[in-house]
Every structure is written in structure tokens, then in C-alpha cells.
Amino acid sequence: MPKTSFSVGEHELELICESSGKEYIIYDNQIISEQQNSLTLSSIHNFEVSESAEVANYSVSFKSTISGLIKYNVKKYYFRFNKIQCEPE
């Protein structure tokens, strides 16, 4: 089962591909995305997590190669929420 682990800031990401075609994304020791991918050569996992009062969106793509290697690409986007205080008129 190919597995790749790395850090993104203070957080740990693991990308796992089983020979059955099952793919997992593990974020800080919790499965955050799971897909069955047995017929296609590529897949995309999108998920959203809270990081330090911000929302981070991740897009992780897997792509099989002819040599049997799996290429992956990780993109991370931040969304900041500013509190808006409304006062009655």
C-alpha cells in the first residue's frame, strides 16, 4: 500500500492508495477523505478543515503513471472570516 506522509505547516497529511483502488487522505491522524477509484487513472479529493480560526480548503489529486508510480498534487487555499458587527438603525 503506497503511503506518503508530509507536513503542511503544523499539520500532518498522509496520502494512501491501496491496490484495491481505495484512496485515503488522513489529516492529523483522522481520515478526512476516502474514495474508491478502480477504473480511472486519476482522482481528486477536496476537503475543508479549520486551522487557527481560518478555513483551509485542500484539493489533492492522484494520477497513476504507466510505470506504476502515483503522482500527487496538493493545493491549499485559505479563507479568512472577518467578524462584521451590525448595529441597529
N, C-alpha and C. Protein backbone atom coordinates (compact mmCIF):
# COMPACT_ATOMS: atom_id res chain seq x y z
N MET A 1 0.85 -1.17 0.00
CA MET A 1 0.00 0.00 0.00
C MET A 1 0.90 1.23 0.00
N PRO A 2 1.00 1.93 -1.14
CA PRO A 2 1.81 3.15 -1.17
C PRO A 2 1.25 4.21 -0.22
N LYS A 3 2.14 4.80 0.55
CA LYS A 3 1.73 5.83 1.51
C LYS A 3 2.77 6.93 1.49
N THR A 4 2.31 8.16 1.48
CA THR A 4 3.18 9.32 1.53
C THR A 4 2.74 10.20 2.67
N SER A 5 3.68 10.60 3.51
CA SER A 5 3.38 11.47 4.65
C SER A 5 4.22 12.73 4.56
N PHE A 6 3.62 13.86 4.92
CA PHE A 6 4.37 15.11 4.95
C PHE A 6 3.63 16.11 5.82
N SER A 7 4.32 17.18 6.15
CA SER A 7 3.73 18.24 6.98
C SER A 7 3.32 19.42 6.12
N VAL A 8 2.19 20.01 6.49
CA VAL A 8 1.74 21.26 5.89
C VAL A 8 1.56 22.21 7.06
N GLY A 9 2.54 23.07 7.26
CA GLY A 9 2.52 23.93 8.45
C GLY A 9 2.63 23.08 9.70
N GLU A 10 1.68 23.23 10.60
CA GLU A 10 1.68 22.46 11.85
C GLU A 10 0.88 21.17 11.73
N HIS A 11 0.45 20.80 10.55
CA HIS A 11 -0.45 19.67 10.36
C HIS A 11 0.21 18.58 9.54
N GLU A 12 -0.22 17.33 9.80
CA GLU A 12 0.31 16.17 9.09
C GLU A 12 -0.72 15.66 8.09
N LEU A 13 -0.26 15.39 6.88
CA LEU A 13 -1.10 14.80 5.84
C LEU A 13 -0.51 13.47 5.43
N GLU A 14 -1.36 12.46 5.24
CA GLU A 14 -0.95 11.17 4.69
C GLU A 14 -1.83 10.89 3.49
N LEU A 15 -1.21 10.45 2.41
CA LEU A 15 -1.92 10.06 1.20
C LEU A 15 -1.71 8.56 1.04
N ILE A 16 -2.79 7.80 1.00
CA ILE A 16 -2.70 6.34 0.95
C ILE A 16 -3.49 5.83 -0.25
N CYS A 17 -2.86 4.96 -1.04
CA CYS A 17 -3.52 4.30 -2.17
C CYS A 17 -3.37 2.79 -1.98
N GLU A 18 -4.48 2.08 -1.84
CA GLU A 18 -4.45 0.62 -1.71
C GLU A 18 -4.51 -0.01 -3.10
N SER A 19 -4.04 -1.24 -3.21
CA SER A 19 -4.06 -1.93 -4.50
C SER A 19 -5.48 -2.18 -4.99
N SER A 20 -6.45 -2.17 -4.10
CA SER A 20 -7.86 -2.35 -4.48
C SER A 20 -8.45 -1.10 -5.15
N GLY A 21 -7.70 0.00 -5.13
CA GLY A 21 -8.18 1.25 -5.70
C GLY A 21 -8.73 2.22 -4.67
N LYS A 22 -8.75 1.80 -3.41
CA LYS A 22 -9.25 2.67 -2.34
C LYS A 22 -8.18 3.71 -2.02
N GLU A 23 -8.59 4.97 -1.93
CA GLU A 23 -7.68 6.08 -1.62
C GLU A 23 -8.15 6.77 -0.35
N TYR A 24 -7.19 7.16 0.47
CA TYR A 24 -7.50 7.83 1.72
C TYR A 24 -6.63 9.08 1.86
N ILE A 25 -7.20 10.11 2.45
CA ILE A 25 -6.44 11.28 2.88
C ILE A 25 -6.60 11.32 4.40
N ILE A 26 -5.49 11.31 5.11
CA ILE A 26 -5.52 11.37 6.57
C ILE A 26 -4.91 12.71 6.97
N TYR A 27 -5.66 13.47 7.76
CA TYR A 27 -5.25 14.80 8.20
C TYR A 27 -5.19 14.77 9.72
N ASP A 28 -4.01 14.98 10.28
CA ASP A 28 -3.82 14.94 11.73
C ASP A 28 -4.43 13.68 12.35
N ASN A 29 -4.10 12.53 11.77
CA ASN A 29 -4.50 11.20 12.25
C ASN A 29 -5.98 10.90 12.13
N GLN A 30 -6.72 11.64 11.32
CA GLN A 30 -8.13 11.36 11.09
C GLN A 30 -8.38 11.25 9.58
N ILE A 31 -9.14 10.22 9.19
CA ILE A 31 -9.49 10.10 7.78
C ILE A 31 -10.44 11.23 7.43
N ILE A 32 -10.02 12.05 6.49
CA ILE A 32 -10.80 13.23 6.11
C ILE A 32 -11.45 13.04 4.74
N SER A 33 -10.91 12.13 3.93
CA SER A 33 -11.47 11.86 2.61
C SER A 33 -11.16 10.42 2.24
N GLU A 34 -12.14 9.79 1.60
CA GLU A 34 -11.99 8.38 1.20
C GLU A 34 -12.74 8.19 -0.11
N GLN A 35 -12.09 7.55 -1.08
CA GLN A 35 -12.73 7.30 -2.38
C GLN A 35 -12.32 5.94 -2.89
N GLN A 36 -13.22 5.31 -3.63
CA GLN A 36 -12.91 4.09 -4.36
C GLN A 36 -12.63 4.50 -5.79
N ASN A 37 -11.45 4.18 -6.29
CA ASN A 37 -11.04 4.60 -7.62
C ASN A 37 -10.41 3.41 -8.33
N SER A 38 -11.24 2.56 -8.94
CA SER A 38 -10.69 1.36 -9.55
C SER A 38 -10.64 1.43 -11.07
N LEU A 39 -11.39 2.32 -11.69
CA LEU A 39 -11.46 2.33 -13.15
C LEU A 39 -10.76 3.50 -13.82
N THR A 40 -10.50 4.56 -13.09
CA THR A 40 -9.89 5.73 -13.72
C THR A 40 -8.43 5.86 -13.32
N LEU A 41 -7.68 6.62 -14.10
CA LEU A 41 -6.26 6.80 -13.84
C LEU A 41 -5.97 7.99 -12.92
N SER A 42 -7.00 8.77 -12.62
CA SER A 42 -6.78 9.92 -11.75
C SER A 42 -8.02 10.18 -10.90
N SER A 43 -7.81 10.89 -9.81
CA SER A 43 -8.92 11.26 -8.94
C SER A 43 -8.57 12.54 -8.20
N ILE A 44 -9.60 13.21 -7.70
CA ILE A 44 -9.40 14.44 -6.95
C ILE A 44 -10.20 14.36 -5.65
N HIS A 45 -9.54 14.68 -4.56
CA HIS A 45 -10.18 14.76 -3.24
C HIS A 45 -10.20 16.23 -2.84
N ASN A 46 -11.35 16.73 -2.47
CA ASN A 46 -11.48 18.10 -1.96
C ASN A 46 -12.02 18.02 -0.55
N PHE A 47 -11.39 18.75 0.37
CA PHE A 47 -11.89 18.77 1.74
C PHE A 47 -11.56 20.10 2.39
N GLU A 48 -12.27 20.38 3.45
CA GLU A 48 -12.17 21.66 4.16
C GLU A 48 -11.92 21.38 5.64
N VAL A 49 -10.97 22.09 6.23
CA VAL A 49 -10.65 21.94 7.65
C VAL A 49 -10.46 23.31 8.28
N SER A 50 -10.59 23.36 9.58
CA SER A 50 -10.37 24.60 10.32
C SER A 50 -8.95 24.61 10.85
N GLU A 51 -8.22 25.66 10.55
CA GLU A 51 -6.84 25.81 11.00
C GLU A 51 -6.66 27.21 11.58
N SER A 52 -6.45 27.31 12.86
CA SER A 52 -6.16 28.59 13.53
C SER A 52 -7.16 29.69 13.16
N ALA A 53 -8.43 29.41 13.39
CA ALA A 53 -9.52 30.37 13.14
C ALA A 53 -9.68 30.73 11.66
N GLU A 54 -9.13 29.92 10.79
CA GLU A 54 -9.29 30.10 9.35
C GLU A 54 -9.78 28.78 8.77
N VAL A 55 -10.44 28.88 7.64
CA VAL A 55 -10.87 27.68 6.94
C VAL A 55 -9.88 27.43 5.80
N ALA A 56 -9.32 26.23 5.78
CA ALA A 56 -8.38 25.86 4.72
C ALA A 56 -9.06 24.83 3.83
N ASN A 57 -9.07 25.09 2.54
CA ASN A 57 -9.58 24.14 1.56
C ASN A 57 -8.40 23.46 0.89
N TYR A 58 -8.45 22.15 0.83
CA TYR A 58 -7.41 21.37 0.18
C TYR A 58 -7.99 20.70 -1.06
N SER A 59 -7.18 20.60 -2.08
CA SER A 59 -7.50 19.83 -3.26
C SER A 59 -6.31 18.91 -3.52
N VAL A 60 -6.53 17.61 -3.43
CA VAL A 60 -5.46 16.63 -3.60
C VAL A 60 -5.80 15.77 -4.80
N SER A 61 -4.91 15.71 -5.78
CA SER A 61 -5.15 14.87 -6.95
C SER A 61 -4.12 13.75 -7.01
N PHE A 62 -4.60 12.57 -7.40
CA PHE A 62 -3.76 11.40 -7.62
C PHE A 62 -3.80 11.08 -9.11
N LYS A 63 -2.65 10.68 -9.66
CA LYS A 63 -2.62 10.29 -11.06
C LYS A 63 -1.65 9.11 -11.21
N SER A 64 -2.16 7.99 -11.74
CA SER A 64 -1.32 6.82 -11.97
C SER A 64 -0.49 7.03 -13.23
N THR A 65 0.72 6.49 -13.21
CA THR A 65 1.60 6.57 -14.38
C THR A 65 1.78 5.17 -14.97
N ILE A 66 2.28 5.11 -16.18
CA ILE A 66 2.50 3.83 -16.85
C ILE A 66 3.47 2.96 -16.07
N SER A 67 4.45 3.57 -15.42
CA SER A 67 5.46 2.82 -14.68
C SER A 67 4.93 2.28 -13.34
N GLY A 68 3.69 2.63 -12.99
CA GLY A 68 3.12 2.15 -11.73
C GLY A 68 3.27 3.13 -10.58
N LEU A 69 4.00 4.22 -10.81
CA LEU A 69 4.11 5.23 -9.77
C LEU A 69 2.83 6.05 -9.70
N ILE A 70 2.59 6.64 -8.56
CA ILE A 70 1.43 7.51 -8.40
C ILE A 70 1.92 8.92 -8.13
N LYS A 71 1.56 9.83 -9.02
CA LYS A 71 1.90 11.25 -8.83
C LYS A 71 0.75 11.89 -8.06
N TYR A 72 1.10 12.84 -7.22
CA TYR A 72 0.05 13.56 -6.50
C TYR A 72 0.37 15.04 -6.47
N ASN A 73 -0.67 15.83 -6.32
CA ASN A 73 -0.54 17.27 -6.26
C ASN A 73 -1.45 17.77 -5.14
N VAL A 74 -0.91 18.62 -4.26
CA VAL A 74 -1.69 19.15 -3.14
C VAL A 74 -1.76 20.66 -3.28
N LYS A 75 -2.97 21.19 -3.27
CA LYS A 75 -3.18 22.64 -3.29
C LYS A 75 -3.95 23.02 -2.04
N LYS A 76 -3.57 24.14 -1.46
CA LYS A 76 -4.21 24.61 -0.23
C LYS A 76 -4.63 26.06 -0.42
N TYR A 77 -5.86 26.34 -0.04
CA TYR A 77 -6.41 27.69 -0.13
C TYR A 77 -6.94 28.09 1.24
N TYR A 78 -6.74 29.33 1.62
CA TYR A 78 -7.24 29.85 2.89
C TYR A 78 -8.41 30.78 2.66
N PHE A 79 -9.36 30.71 3.57
CA PHE A 79 -10.46 31.67 3.60
C PHE A 79 -10.48 32.26 5.00
N ARG A 80 -10.42 33.56 5.08
CA ARG A 80 -10.47 34.23 6.38
C ARG A 80 -11.84 34.85 6.55
N PHE A 81 -12.34 34.71 7.74
CA PHE A 81 -13.64 35.30 8.07
C PHE A 81 -13.42 36.47 9.00
N ASN A 82 -13.85 37.61 8.59
CA ASN A 82 -13.79 38.79 9.45
C ASN A 82 -15.16 38.98 10.09
N LYS A 83 -15.15 39.22 11.36
CA LYS A 83 -16.42 39.44 12.05
C LYS A 83 -16.93 40.83 11.70
N ILE A 84 -18.16 40.87 11.28
CA ILE A 84 -18.81 42.14 10.97
C ILE A 84 -19.87 42.37 12.03
N GLN A 85 -19.76 43.47 12.67
CA GLN A 85 -20.71 43.78 13.73
C GLN A 85 -21.76 44.73 13.17
N CYS A 86 -23.00 44.32 13.27
CA CYS A 86 -24.10 45.15 12.78
C CYS A 86 -24.75 45.86 13.96
N GLU A 87 -25.00 47.12 13.75
CA GLU A 87 -25.67 47.90 14.79
C GLU A 87 -27.06 48.25 14.31
N PRO A 88 -28.03 48.21 15.21
CA PRO A 88 -29.40 48.54 14.80
C PRO A 88 -29.50 50.00 14.36
N GLU A 89 -30.37 50.23 13.42
CA GLU A 89 -30.55 51.60 12.90
C GLU A 89 -31.48 52.40 13.78
